[in-house]
Amino acid sequence: MSSNKDLPTYDENESKFMRKAKESPFVPIGMAGCAAVVAFGLWRLKSRGDTKMSVHLIHMRVGAQGFIVGAMTLGVIYSMYKQYLAPKDPGKDSK
């Protein structure tokens, strides 16, 4: 059996989602953007005209996936900037 020291510890006052959002802030942005694209697509569903349902759903899926891929790309660029290009405090490493 595994011991309790192998399990991750969480701060009682902070949810796992909020902790992950602080580590990578573009994940909640991507989730919100995906939800916004889906909500907009559902709103436009009533006035789609002669467009087939399958074509409308495919366009909505492509838009949501594009937003998520864009958010992931910005997140990777941001983390690479923080890790490699951001000025580092030399006094912080001496501890």
C-alpha atoms as a PDB file:
ATOM      1  CA  MET A   1       0.000   0.000   0.000  1.00  0.00           C
ATOM      2  CA  SER A   2       1.133   3.528  -0.617  1.00  0.00           C
ATOM      3  CA  SER A   3       1.615   5.957   2.193  1.00  0.00           C
ATOM      4  CA  ASN A   4      -0.026   9.356   2.537  1.00  0.00           C
ATOM      5  CA  LYS A   5       3.237  11.138   1.798  1.00  0.00           C
ATOM      6  CA  ASP A   6       2.937  10.086  -1.868  1.00  0.00           C
ATOM      7  CA  LEU A   7      -0.344  11.972  -2.285  1.00  0.00           C
ATOM      8  CA  PRO A   8      -0.236  15.621  -3.349  1.00  0.00           C
ATOM      9  CA  THR A   9      -1.076  18.105  -0.646  1.00  0.00           C
ATOM     10  CA  TYR A  10      -3.511  20.905  -1.315  1.00  0.00           C
ATOM     11  CA  ASP A  11      -3.995  24.118   0.552  1.00  0.00           C
ATOM     12  CA  GLU A  12      -7.399  24.022   2.222  1.00  0.00           C
ATOM     13  CA  ASN A  13      -8.222  27.603   1.242  1.00  0.00           C
ATOM     14  CA  GLU A  14      -7.304  27.251  -2.430  1.00  0.00           C
ATOM     15  CA  SER A  15      -9.016  24.999  -4.944  1.00  0.00           C
ATOM     16  CA  LYS A  16      -7.076  22.868  -7.383  1.00  0.00           C
ATOM     17  CA  PHE A  17      -8.515  24.851 -10.312  1.00  0.00           C
ATOM     18  CA  MET A  18      -7.341  28.178  -8.887  1.00  0.00           C
ATOM     19  CA  ARG A  19      -3.868  26.775  -8.212  1.00  0.00           C
ATOM     20  CA  LYS A  20      -3.610  25.453 -11.757  1.00  0.00           C
ATOM     21  CA  ALA A  21      -4.933  28.763 -13.126  1.00  0.00           C
ATOM     22  CA  LYS A  22      -2.094  30.594 -11.375  1.00  0.00           C
ATOM     23  CA  GLU A  23       0.476  28.149 -12.787  1.00  0.00           C
ATOM     24  CA  SER A  24      -0.822  28.425 -16.360  1.00  0.00           C
ATOM     25  CA  PRO A  25      -3.208  31.357 -16.805  1.00  0.00           C
ATOM     26  CA  PHE A  26      -4.091  30.586 -20.421  1.00  0.00           C
ATOM     27  CA  VAL A  27      -5.976  27.373 -19.557  1.00  0.00           C
ATOM     28  CA  PRO A  28      -8.989  29.193 -18.043  1.00  0.00           C
ATOM     29  CA  ILE A  29      -8.839  31.687 -20.910  1.00  0.00           C
ATOM     30  CA  GLY A  30      -9.027  28.806 -23.389  1.00  0.00           C
ATOM     31  CA  MET A  31     -11.890  27.206 -21.486  1.00  0.00           C
ATOM     32  CA  ALA A  32     -13.817  30.481 -21.365  1.00  0.00           C
ATOM     33  CA  GLY A  33     -13.186  31.109 -25.052  1.00  0.00           C
ATOM     34  CA  CYS A  34     -14.386  27.625 -25.965  1.00  0.00           C
ATOM     35  CA  ALA A  35     -17.550  28.144 -23.915  1.00  0.00           C
ATOM     36  CA  ALA A  36     -18.074  31.533 -25.588  1.00  0.00           C
ATOM     37  CA  VAL A  37     -17.703  30.051 -29.088  1.00  0.00           C
ATOM     38  CA  VAL A  38     -20.155  27.259 -28.242  1.00  0.00           C
ATOM     39  CA  ALA A  39     -22.637  29.731 -26.736  1.00  0.00           C
ATOM     40  CA  PHE A  40     -22.360  31.963 -29.808  1.00  0.00           C
ATOM     41  CA  GLY A  41     -22.838  28.950 -32.070  1.00  0.00           C
ATOM     42  CA  LEU A  42     -25.938  27.888 -30.183  1.00  0.00           C
ATOM     43  CA  TRP A  43     -27.284  31.434 -30.371  1.00  0.00           C
ATOM     44  CA  ARG A  44     -26.654  31.499 -34.137  1.00  0.00           C
ATOM     45  CA  LEU A  45     -28.315  28.101 -34.511  1.00  0.00           C
ATOM     46  CA  LYS A  46     -31.765  29.634 -34.648  1.00  0.00           C
ATOM     47  CA  SER A  47     -30.880  31.917 -37.570  1.00  0.00           C
ATOM     48  CA  ARG A  48     -28.682  29.616 -39.657  1.00  0.00           C
ATOM     49  CA  GLY A  49     -30.988  29.787 -42.685  1.00  0.00           C
ATOM     50  CA  ASP A  50     -30.433  27.098 -45.327  1.00  0.00           C
ATOM     51  CA  THR A  51     -27.190  25.840 -43.784  1.00  0.00           C
ATOM     52  CA  LYS A  52     -27.273  22.173 -42.847  1.00  0.00           C
ATOM     53  CA  MET A  53     -27.031  21.332 -39.167  1.00  0.00           C
ATOM     54  CA  SER A  54     -23.883  19.239 -39.666  1.00  0.00           C
ATOM     55  CA  VAL A  55     -22.072  22.109 -41.424  1.00  0.00           C
ATOM     56  CA  HIS A  56     -23.060  24.513 -38.668  1.00  0.00           C
ATOM     57  CA  LEU A  57     -21.805  22.124 -35.973  1.00  0.00           C
ATOM     58  CA  ILE A  58     -18.542  21.528 -37.820  1.00  0.00           C
ATOM     59  CA  HIS A  59     -17.932  25.285 -38.068  1.00  0.00           C
ATOM     60  CA  MET A  60     -18.688  25.668 -34.368  1.00  0.00           C
ATOM     61  CA  ARG A  61     -16.291  22.833 -33.481  1.00  0.00           C
ATOM     62  CA  VAL A  62     -13.513  24.281 -35.636  1.00  0.00           C
ATOM     63  CA  GLY A  63     -13.972  27.698 -34.038  1.00  0.00           C
ATOM     64  CA  ALA A  64     -13.841  26.265 -30.510  1.00  0.00           C
ATOM     65  CA  GLN A  65     -10.796  24.134 -31.290  1.00  0.00           C
ATOM     66  CA  GLY A  66      -9.059  27.087 -32.925  1.00  0.00           C
ATOM     67  CA  PHE A  67      -9.584  29.201 -29.839  1.00  0.00           C
ATOM     68  CA  ILE A  68      -8.185  26.455 -27.588  1.00  0.00           C
ATOM     69  CA  VAL A  69      -5.143  25.887 -29.820  1.00  0.00           C
ATOM     70  CA  GLY A  70      -4.500  29.627 -29.876  1.00  0.00           C
ATOM     71  CA  ALA A  71      -4.724  29.833 -26.085  1.00  0.00           C
ATOM     72  CA  MET A  72      -2.378  26.858 -25.722  1.00  0.00           C
ATOM     73  CA  THR A  73       0.105  28.438 -28.121  1.00  0.00           C
ATOM     74  CA  LEU A  74       0.054  31.718 -26.221  1.00  0.00           C
ATOM     75  CA  GLY A  75       0.490  29.787 -22.963  1.00  0.00           C
ATOM     76  CA  VAL A  76       3.553  27.967 -24.284  1.00  0.00           C
ATOM     77  CA  ILE A  77       5.049  31.211 -25.572  1.00  0.00           C
ATOM     78  CA  TYR A  78       4.369  32.887 -22.215  1.00  0.00           C
ATOM     79  CA  SER A  79       5.965  30.051 -20.240  1.00  0.00           C
ATOM     80  CA  MET A  80       8.997  30.022 -22.559  1.00  0.00           C
ATOM     81  CA  TYR A  81       9.346  33.777 -22.075  1.00  0.00           C
ATOM     82  CA  LYS A  82       9.176  33.401 -18.294  1.00  0.00           C
ATOM     83  CA  GLN A  83      11.695  30.569 -18.299  1.00  0.00           C
ATOM     84  CA  TYR A  84      14.255  31.782 -20.837  1.00  0.00           C
ATOM     85  CA  LEU A  85      13.881  35.474 -21.627  1.00  0.00           C
ATOM     86  CA  ALA A  86      12.496  37.172 -18.528  1.00  0.00           C
ATOM     87  CA  PRO A  87      15.133  38.943 -16.458  1.00  0.00           C
ATOM     88  CA  LYS A  88      16.037  36.862 -13.444  1.00  0.00           C
ATOM     89  CA  ASP A  89      16.813  38.270 -10.028  1.00  0.00           C
ATOM     90  CA  PRO A  90      20.453  37.296  -9.275  1.00  0.00           C
ATOM     91  CA  GLY A  91      19.882  37.601  -5.521  1.00  0.00           C
ATOM     92  CA  LYS A  92      17.107  35.040  -5.606  1.00  0.00           C
ATOM     93  CA  ASP A  93      19.399  32.176  -6.744  1.00  0.00           C
ATOM     94  CA  SER A  94      22.026  32.810  -4.048  1.00  0.00           C
ATOM     95  CA  LYS A  95      19.807  31.516  -1.209  1.00  0.00           C
END
